[in-house]
C-alpha atoms as a PDB file:
ATOM      1  CA  UNK A   1       4.675  56.260 -94.229  1.00  0.00           C
ATOM      2  CA  UNK A   2       7.607  54.491 -92.581  1.00  0.00           C
ATOM      3  CA  UNK A   3       7.694  55.601 -88.952  1.00  0.00           C
ATOM      4  CA  UNK A   4      10.783  57.222 -87.418  1.00  0.00           C
ATOM      5  CA  UNK A   5      11.923  58.794 -84.193  1.00  0.00           C
ATOM      6  CA  UNK A   6       9.829  61.916 -84.750  1.00  0.00           C
ATOM      7  CA  UNK A   7       6.681  59.801 -84.292  1.00  0.00           C
ATOM      8  CA  UNK A   8       7.682  58.314 -80.926  1.00  0.00           C
ATOM      9  CA  UNK A   9       5.343  60.707 -79.119  1.00  0.00           C
ATOM     10  CA  UNK A  10       2.381  58.805 -80.534  1.00  0.00           C
ATOM     11  CA  UNK A  11       3.469  55.497 -78.985  1.00  0.00           C
ATOM     12  CA  UNK A  12       1.335  55.972 -75.845  1.00  0.00           C
ATOM     13  CA  UNK A  13      -1.815  56.657 -77.886  1.00  0.00           C
ATOM     14  CA  UNK A  14      -1.159  53.620 -80.071  1.00  0.00           C
ATOM     15  CA  UNK A  15      -0.454  51.270 -77.144  1.00  0.00           C
ATOM     16  CA  UNK A  16      -3.620  52.427 -75.358  1.00  0.00           C
ATOM     17  CA  UNK A  17      -5.750  51.912 -78.469  1.00  0.00           C
ATOM     18  CA  UNK A  18      -4.304  48.431 -79.028  1.00  0.00           C
ATOM     19  CA  UNK A  19      -5.249  47.436 -75.480  1.00  0.00           C
ATOM     20  CA  UNK A  20      -8.719  49.012 -75.729  1.00  0.00           C
ATOM     21  CA  UNK A  21      -9.433  47.330 -79.062  1.00  0.00           C
ATOM     22  CA  UNK A  22      -8.413  43.890 -77.774  1.00  0.00           C
ATOM     23  CA  UNK A  23     -10.569  44.356 -74.680  1.00  0.00           C
ATOM     24  CA  UNK A  24     -13.574  45.416 -76.762  1.00  0.00           C
ATOM     25  CA  UNK A  25     -13.225  42.334 -78.985  1.00  0.00           C
ATOM     26  CA  UNK A  26     -12.722  40.040 -75.999  1.00  0.00           C
ATOM     27  CA  UNK A  27      -9.509  38.718 -77.512  1.00  0.00           C
ATOM     28  CA  UNK A  28      -5.915  38.749 -76.383  1.00  0.00           C
ATOM     29  CA  UNK A  29      -2.821  40.221 -77.994  1.00  0.00           C
ATOM     30  CA  UNK A  30       0.871  40.246 -77.211  1.00  0.00           C
ATOM     31  CA  UNK A  31       0.840  43.435 -75.161  1.00  0.00           C
ATOM     32  CA  UNK A  32       3.511  45.938 -76.117  1.00  0.00           C
ATOM     33  CA  UNK A  33       4.646  48.915 -74.108  1.00  0.00           C
ATOM     34  CA  UNK A  34       4.884  52.425 -75.549  1.00  0.00           C
ATOM     35  CA  UNK A  35       8.665  52.102 -75.222  1.00  0.00           C
ATOM     36  CA  UNK A  36       8.653  48.953 -77.349  1.00  0.00           C
ATOM     37  CA  UNK A  37       6.567  50.631 -80.067  1.00  0.00           C
ATOM     38  CA  UNK A  38       8.777  53.721 -79.991  1.00  0.00           C
ATOM     39  CA  UNK A  39      11.832  51.491 -80.471  1.00  0.00           C
ATOM     40  CA  UNK A  40      10.247  50.000 -83.585  1.00  0.00           C
ATOM     41  CA  UNK A  41       9.748  53.515 -84.933  1.00  0.00           C
ATOM     42  CA  UNK A  42      13.381  54.418 -84.240  1.00  0.00           C
ATOM     43  CA  UNK A  43      14.508  51.244 -86.043  1.00  0.00           C
ATOM     44  CA  UNK A  44      12.396  52.068 -89.090  1.00  0.00           C
ATOM     45  CA  UNK A  45      10.424  48.851 -88.603  1.00  0.00           C
ATOM     46  CA  UNK A  46       6.938  50.323 -88.459  1.00  0.00           C
ATOM     47  CA  UNK A  47       4.366  52.040 -90.637  1.00  0.00           C
ATOM     48  CA  UNK A  48       2.260  54.910 -89.324  1.00  0.00           C
ATOM     49  CA  UNK A  49      -0.632  56.760 -90.959  1.00  0.00           C
ATOM     50  CA  UNK A  50      -2.061  60.240 -90.382  1.00  0.00           C
ATOM     51  CA  UNK A  51      -5.065  62.157 -91.611  1.00  0.00           C
ATOM     52  CA  UNK A  52      -4.620  65.341 -93.623  1.00  0.00           C
ATOM     53  CA  UNK A  53      -5.171  67.206 -90.348  1.00  0.00           C
ATOM     54  CA  UNK A  54      -2.263  65.377 -88.725  1.00  0.00           C
ATOM     55  CA  UNK A  55      -4.396  63.048 -86.576  1.00  0.00           C
ATOM     56  CA  UNK A  56      -2.881  59.632 -85.920  1.00  0.00           C
ATOM     57  CA  UNK A  57      -4.889  57.155 -88.007  1.00  0.00           C
ATOM     58  CA  UNK A  58      -3.165  53.767 -87.984  1.00  0.00           C
ATOM     59  CA  UNK A  59      -0.066  51.746 -87.205  1.00  0.00           C
ATOM     60  CA  UNK A  60       1.671  48.387 -87.682  1.00  0.00           C
ATOM     61  CA  UNK A  61       5.174  47.094 -86.953  1.00  0.00           C
ATOM     62  CA  UNK A  62       7.608  44.359 -87.920  1.00  0.00           C
ATOM     63  CA  UNK A  63       8.988  41.602 -85.707  1.00  0.00           C
ATOM     64  CA  UNK A  64      11.543  39.011 -86.805  1.00  0.00           C
ATOM     65  CA  UNK A  65      12.109  35.504 -85.465  1.00  0.00           C
ATOM     66  CA  UNK A  66      14.324  32.460 -85.952  1.00  0.00           C
ATOM     67  CA  UNK A  67      17.412  34.510 -86.890  1.00  0.00           C
ATOM     68  CA  UNK A  68      15.373  36.651 -89.313  1.00  0.00           C
ATOM     69  CA  UNK A  69      14.039  33.587 -91.115  1.00  0.00           C
ATOM     70  CA  UNK A  70      10.479  34.537 -90.230  1.00  0.00           C
ATOM     71  CA  UNK A  71       8.812  37.932 -90.060  1.00  0.00           C
ATOM     72  CA  UNK A  72       5.475  38.894 -88.533  1.00  0.00           C
ATOM     73  CA  UNK A  73       3.567  42.096 -89.288  1.00  0.00           C
ATOM     74  CA  UNK A  74       2.195  42.765 -85.839  1.00  0.00           C
ATOM     75  CA  UNK A  75       0.014  45.187 -83.946  1.00  0.00           C
ATOM     76  CA  UNK A  76      -2.159  46.373 -86.829  1.00  0.00           C
ATOM     77  CA  UNK A  77      -4.415  49.041 -85.355  1.00  0.00           C
ATOM     78  CA  UNK A  78      -6.626  51.752 -86.851  1.00  0.00           C
ATOM     79  CA  UNK A  79      -7.904  54.766 -84.944  1.00  0.00           C
ATOM     80  CA  UNK A  80     -11.682  54.268 -84.469  1.00  0.00           C
ATOM     81  CA  UNK A  81     -12.290  57.534 -86.329  1.00  0.00           C
ATOM     82  CA  UNK A  82     -10.854  56.031 -89.517  1.00  0.00           C
ATOM     83  CA  UNK A  83     -12.133  52.463 -89.474  1.00  0.00           C
ATOM     84  CA  UNK A  84     -14.115  50.984 -92.362  1.00  0.00           C
ATOM     85  CA  UNK A  85     -12.310  53.305 -94.775  1.00  0.00           C
ATOM     86  CA  UNK A  86      -9.910  50.788 -96.297  1.00  0.00           C
ATOM     87  CA  UNK A  87      -7.016  52.149 -94.225  1.00  0.00           C
ATOM     88  CA  UNK A  88      -6.198  48.768 -92.648  1.00  0.00           C
ATOM     89  CA  UNK A  89      -5.683  47.291 -96.102  1.00  0.00           C
ATOM     90  CA  UNK A  90      -3.372  50.140 -97.116  1.00  0.00           C
ATOM     91  CA  UNK A  91      -1.328  49.818 -93.927  1.00  0.00           C
ATOM     92  CA  UNK A  92      -1.018  46.044 -94.400  1.00  0.00           C
ATOM     93  CA  UNK A  93       0.186  46.618 -97.937  1.00  0.00           C
ATOM     94  CA  UNK A  94       2.769  49.160 -96.776  1.00  0.00           C
ATOM     95  CA  UNK A  95       4.120  47.032 -93.906  1.00  0.00           C
ATOM     96  CA  UNK A  96       4.263  43.974 -96.195  1.00  0.00           C
ATOM     97  CA  UNK A  97       6.317  45.977 -98.714  1.00  0.00           C
ATOM     98  CA  UNK A  98       8.623  47.234 -95.958  1.00  0.00           C
ATOM     99  CA  UNK A  99       9.077  43.675 -94.669  1.00  0.00           C
ATOM    100  CA  UNK A 100      10.045  42.434 -98.126  1.00  0.00           C
ATOM    101  CA  UNK A 101      12.589  45.248 -98.448  1.00  0.00           C
ATOM    102  CA  UNK A 102      14.193  44.659 -95.048  1.00  0.00           C
ATOM    103  CA  UNK A 103      13.935  40.860 -95.013  1.00  0.00           C
ATOM    104  CA  UNK A 104      13.785  39.722 -98.669  1.00  0.00           C
ATOM    105  CA  UNK A 105      14.372  36.045 -97.857  1.00  0.00           C
ATOM    106  CA  UNK A 106      12.147  35.777 -94.773  1.00  0.00           C
ATOM    107  CA  UNK A 107       8.822  34.002 -94.627  1.00  0.00           C
ATOM    108  CA  UNK A 108       6.105  36.460 -93.605  1.00  0.00           C
ATOM    109  CA  UNK A 109       3.344  35.064 -91.423  1.00  0.00           C
ATOM    110  CA  UNK A 110       0.419  36.046 -89.283  1.00  0.00           C
ATOM    111  CA  UNK A 111      -2.233  34.662 -86.952  1.00  0.00           C
ATOM    112  CA  UNK A 112      -5.782  35.968 -87.085  1.00  0.00           C
ATOM    113  CA  UNK A 113      -9.327  35.135 -86.001  1.00  0.00           C
ATOM    114  CA  UNK A 114     -10.927  37.469 -88.550  1.00  0.00           C
ATOM    115  CA  UNK A 115     -12.040  36.782 -92.113  1.00  0.00           C
ATOM    116  CA  UNK A 116     -11.438  40.444 -93.017  1.00  0.00           C
ATOM    117  CA  UNK A 117      -7.732  40.129 -92.183  1.00  0.00           C
ATOM    118  CA  UNK A 118      -7.586  36.772 -93.983  1.00  0.00           C
ATOM    119  CA  UNK A 119      -8.974  38.493 -97.072  1.00  0.00           C
ATOM    120  CA  UNK A 120      -6.386  41.290 -96.898  1.00  0.00           C
ATOM    121  CA  UNK A 121      -3.582  38.767 -96.404  1.00  0.00           C
ATOM    122  CA  UNK A 122      -4.750  36.648 -99.323  1.00  0.00           C
ATOM    123  CA  UNK A 123      -4.623  39.719-101.567  1.00  0.00           C
ATOM    124  CA  UNK A 124      -0.938  40.070-100.663  1.00  0.00           C
ATOM    125  CA  UNK A 125      -0.117  36.445-101.478  1.00  0.00           C
ATOM    126  CA  UNK A 126      -0.522  34.772 -98.086  1.00  0.00           C
ATOM    127  CA  UNK A 127      -1.900  31.236 -97.893  1.00  0.00           C
ATOM    128  CA  UNK A 128      -3.541  29.429 -94.936  1.00  0.00           C
ATOM    129  CA  UNK A 129      -1.068  26.980 -93.381  1.00  0.00           C
ATOM    130  CA  UNK A 130      -0.732  24.706 -90.362  1.00  0.00           C
ATOM    131  CA  UNK A 131       0.972  25.945 -87.205  1.00  0.00           C
ATOM    132  CA  UNK A 132       3.899  23.595 -87.886  1.00  0.00           C
ATOM    133  CA  UNK A 133       4.880  25.823 -90.848  1.00  0.00           C
ATOM    134  CA  UNK A 134       5.309  28.899 -88.636  1.00  0.00           C
ATOM    135  CA  UNK A 135       8.377  29.861 -86.625  1.00  0.00           C
ATOM    136  CA  UNK A 136       9.003  27.553 -83.690  1.00  0.00           C
ATOM    137  CA  UNK A 137      10.910  30.283 -81.853  1.00  0.00           C
ATOM    138  CA  UNK A 138       9.776  30.142 -78.222  1.00  0.00           C
ATOM    139  CA  UNK A 139      10.061  33.928 -77.971  1.00  0.00           C
ATOM    140  CA  UNK A 140       7.280  34.340 -80.528  1.00  0.00           C
ATOM    141  CA  UNK A 141       4.894  31.927 -78.827  1.00  0.00           C
ATOM    142  CA  UNK A 142       5.623  33.510 -75.455  1.00  0.00           C
ATOM    143  CA  UNK A 143       3.921  36.608 -76.858  1.00  0.00           C
ATOM    144  CA  UNK A 144       0.650  34.686 -76.828  1.00  0.00           C
ATOM    145  CA  UNK A 145       0.667  34.462 -73.022  1.00  0.00           C
ATOM    146  CA  UNK A 146      -1.496  37.597 -72.749  1.00  0.00           C
ATOM    147  CA  UNK A 147      -4.193  36.025 -74.951  1.00  0.00           C
ATOM    148  CA  UNK A 148      -7.218  34.544 -73.193  1.00  0.00           C
ATOM    149  CA  UNK A 149      -6.831  31.447 -75.369  1.00  0.00           C
ATOM    150  CA  UNK A 150      -3.227  30.726 -74.365  1.00  0.00           C
ATOM    151  CA  UNK A 151      -4.245  27.678 -72.335  1.00  0.00           C
ATOM    152  CA  UNK A 152      -5.844  26.145 -75.426  1.00  0.00           C
ATOM    153  CA  UNK A 153      -2.729  26.828 -77.511  1.00  0.00           C
ATOM    154  CA  UNK A 154      -0.459  25.102 -75.009  1.00  0.00           C
ATOM    155  CA  UNK A 155      -2.860  22.209 -74.393  1.00  0.00           C
ATOM    156  CA  UNK A 156      -2.778  21.631 -78.148  1.00  0.00           C
ATOM    157  CA  UNK A 157       1.039  21.728 -78.050  1.00  0.00           C
ATOM    158  CA  UNK A 158       1.098  24.859 -80.265  1.00  0.00           C
ATOM    159  CA  UNK A 159      -0.438  22.867 -83.101  1.00  0.00           C
ATOM    160  CA  UNK A 160      -3.853  24.532 -83.110  1.00  0.00           C
ATOM    161  CA  UNK A 161      -5.859  27.371 -81.576  1.00  0.00           C
ATOM    162  CA  UNK A 162      -8.654  29.774 -82.516  1.00  0.00           C
ATOM    163  CA  UNK A 163      -6.386  31.790 -84.802  1.00  0.00           C
ATOM    164  CA  UNK A 164      -5.841  30.843 -88.432  1.00  0.00           C
ATOM    165  CA  UNK A 165      -2.202  30.803 -89.546  1.00  0.00           C
ATOM    166  CA  UNK A 166      -1.272  32.411 -92.868  1.00  0.00           C
ATOM    167  CA  UNK A 167       2.117  32.505 -94.576  1.00  0.00           C
ATOM    168  CA  UNK A 168       3.886  34.158 -97.504  1.00  0.00           C
ATOM    169  CA  UNK A 169       6.968  32.231 -98.629  1.00  0.00           C
ATOM    170  CA  UNK A 170       9.159  34.296-101.002  1.00  0.00           C
ATOM    171  CA  UNK A 171      10.740  31.100-102.314  1.00  0.00           C
ATOM    172  CA  UNK A 172       7.511  29.213-102.956  1.00  0.00           C
ATOM    173  CA  UNK A 173       4.292  31.147-103.416  1.00  0.00           C
ATOM    174  CA  UNK A 174       1.359  31.789-105.708  1.00  0.00           C
ATOM    175  CA  UNK A 175       0.751  35.212-107.217  1.00  0.00           C
ATOM    176  CA  UNK A 176      -1.477  37.538-105.141  1.00  0.00           C
ATOM    177  CA  UNK A 177      -4.169  37.367-107.811  1.00  0.00           C
ATOM    178  CA  UNK A 178      -4.278  33.594-107.398  1.00  0.00           C
ATOM    179  CA  UNK A 179      -4.428  33.567-103.606  1.00  0.00           C
ATOM    180  CA  UNK A 180      -7.052  36.333-103.608  1.00  0.00           C
ATOM    181  CA  UNK A 181      -9.188  34.415-106.095  1.00  0.00           C
ATOM    182  CA  UNK A 182      -8.806  31.211-104.076  1.00  0.00           C
ATOM    183  CA  UNK A 183      -9.898  32.978-100.884  1.00  0.00           C
ATOM    184  CA  UNK A 184     -12.905  34.534-102.607  1.00  0.00           C
ATOM    185  CA  UNK A 185     -13.955  31.144-103.941  1.00  0.00           C
ATOM    186  CA  UNK A 186     -13.584  29.476-100.545  1.00  0.00           C
ATOM    187  CA  UNK A 187     -14.589  32.348 -98.236  1.00  0.00           C
ATOM    188  CA  UNK A 188     -17.889  30.745 -97.191  1.00  0.00           C
ATOM    189  CA  UNK A 189     -16.130  27.479 -96.481  1.00  0.00           C
ATOM    190  CA  UNK A 190     -13.486  29.323 -94.437  1.00  0.00           C
ATOM    191  CA  UNK A 191     -16.212  31.040 -92.439  1.00  0.00           C
ATOM    192  CA  UNK A 192     -17.898  27.730 -91.639  1.00  0.00           C
ATOM    193  CA  UNK A 193     -14.555  26.124 -90.832  1.00  0.00           C
ATOM    194  CA  UNK A 194     -13.641  28.943 -88.446  1.00  0.00           C
ATOM    195  CA  UNK A 195     -16.910  28.610 -86.574  1.00  0.00           C
ATOM    196  CA  UNK A 196     -16.639  24.828 -86.330  1.00  0.00           C
ATOM    197  CA  UNK A 197     -13.057  25.143 -85.142  1.00  0.00           C
ATOM    198  CA  UNK A 198     -13.982  27.802 -82.584  1.00  0.00           C
ATOM    199  CA  UNK A 199     -16.918  25.743 -81.317  1.00  0.00           C
ATOM    200  CA  UNK A 200     -14.814  22.602 -80.902  1.00  0.00           C
ATOM    201  CA  UNK A 201     -12.059  24.472 -79.114  1.00  0.00           C
ATOM    202  CA  UNK A 202     -14.644  26.202 -76.933  1.00  0.00           C
ATOM    203  CA  UNK A 203     -15.909  22.780 -75.811  1.00  0.00           C
ATOM    204  CA  UNK A 204     -12.318  21.721 -75.146  1.00  0.00           C
ATOM    205  CA  UNK A 205     -11.597  24.859 -73.070  1.00  0.00           C
ATOM    206  CA  UNK A 206     -14.891  24.703 -71.210  1.00  0.00           C
ATOM    207  CA  UNK A 207     -13.701  21.646 -69.274  1.00  0.00           C
ATOM    208  CA  UNK A 208     -10.856  23.565 -67.613  1.00  0.00           C
ATOM    209  CA  UNK A 209     -12.047  27.193 -67.503  1.00  0.00           C
ATOM    210  CA  UNK A 210     -15.749  27.484 -68.349  1.00  0.00           C
ATOM    211  CA  UNK A 211     -16.330  31.221 -67.757  1.00  0.00           C
ATOM    212  CA  UNK A 212     -13.266  32.373 -69.668  1.00  0.00           C
ATOM    213  CA  UNK A 213     -14.097  29.969 -72.501  1.00  0.00           C
ATOM    214  CA  UNK A 214     -17.585  31.455 -72.746  1.00  0.00           C
ATOM    215  CA  UNK A 215     -16.202  34.981 -73.134  1.00  0.00           C
ATOM    216  CA  UNK A 216     -13.782  33.763 -75.775  1.00  0.00           C
ATOM    217  CA  UNK A 217     -16.527  32.012 -77.730  1.00  0.00           C
ATOM    218  CA  UNK A 218     -18.905  34.983 -77.567  1.00  0.00           C
ATOM    219  CA  UNK A 219     -16.217  37.347 -78.796  1.00  0.00           C
ATOM    220  CA  UNK A 220     -16.346  35.865 -82.309  1.00  0.00           C
ATOM    221  CA  UNK A 221     -19.888  37.204 -82.692  1.00  0.00           C
ATOM    222  CA  UNK A 222     -19.066  40.768 -81.533  1.00  0.00           C
END
């Protein structure tokens, strides 16, 4: 469902789970405070899910950049109790629909290191793109400062990093069935490409911060 002010009390639980999940994966995220997440709920720019028993199950929110020309569906998180149930896919579908309703002309994009998220995105009509096709709003990229790979991103002049960029352009896009089929056909190639990319960037990072680079590299196997 679309979150509202009545759900603000769950913001602390959600923020804590986001931080714990990122730590467990060994990856970084743009850290958000409970107050920030609660504000998104009040604005109607978030989706929240509950079990039949009323237990918080999942969450995701909308951020807009470049004068609303670009939209990111951020902070996707699923309560550990409800993972591997298809809930993440349903939440992504709901937040994508909400984004299209609120920002019908905006390009919707995301950055991810996971093939599972790439698959979900492809089923919504996203396509892999270069970083140059994303928003160049400094405020967005500043959110990457809390990621352990931020040094790599900046050394590459925001042109490349471990994440794969994906974009849905409402003015120029394939149908979801086409992008999903293309991803399925190329999924093995994407997996190999991700590992080659991660290995090369690991070697690049190792020169300046060897221990942190090792943790980053190992995280892709966890």
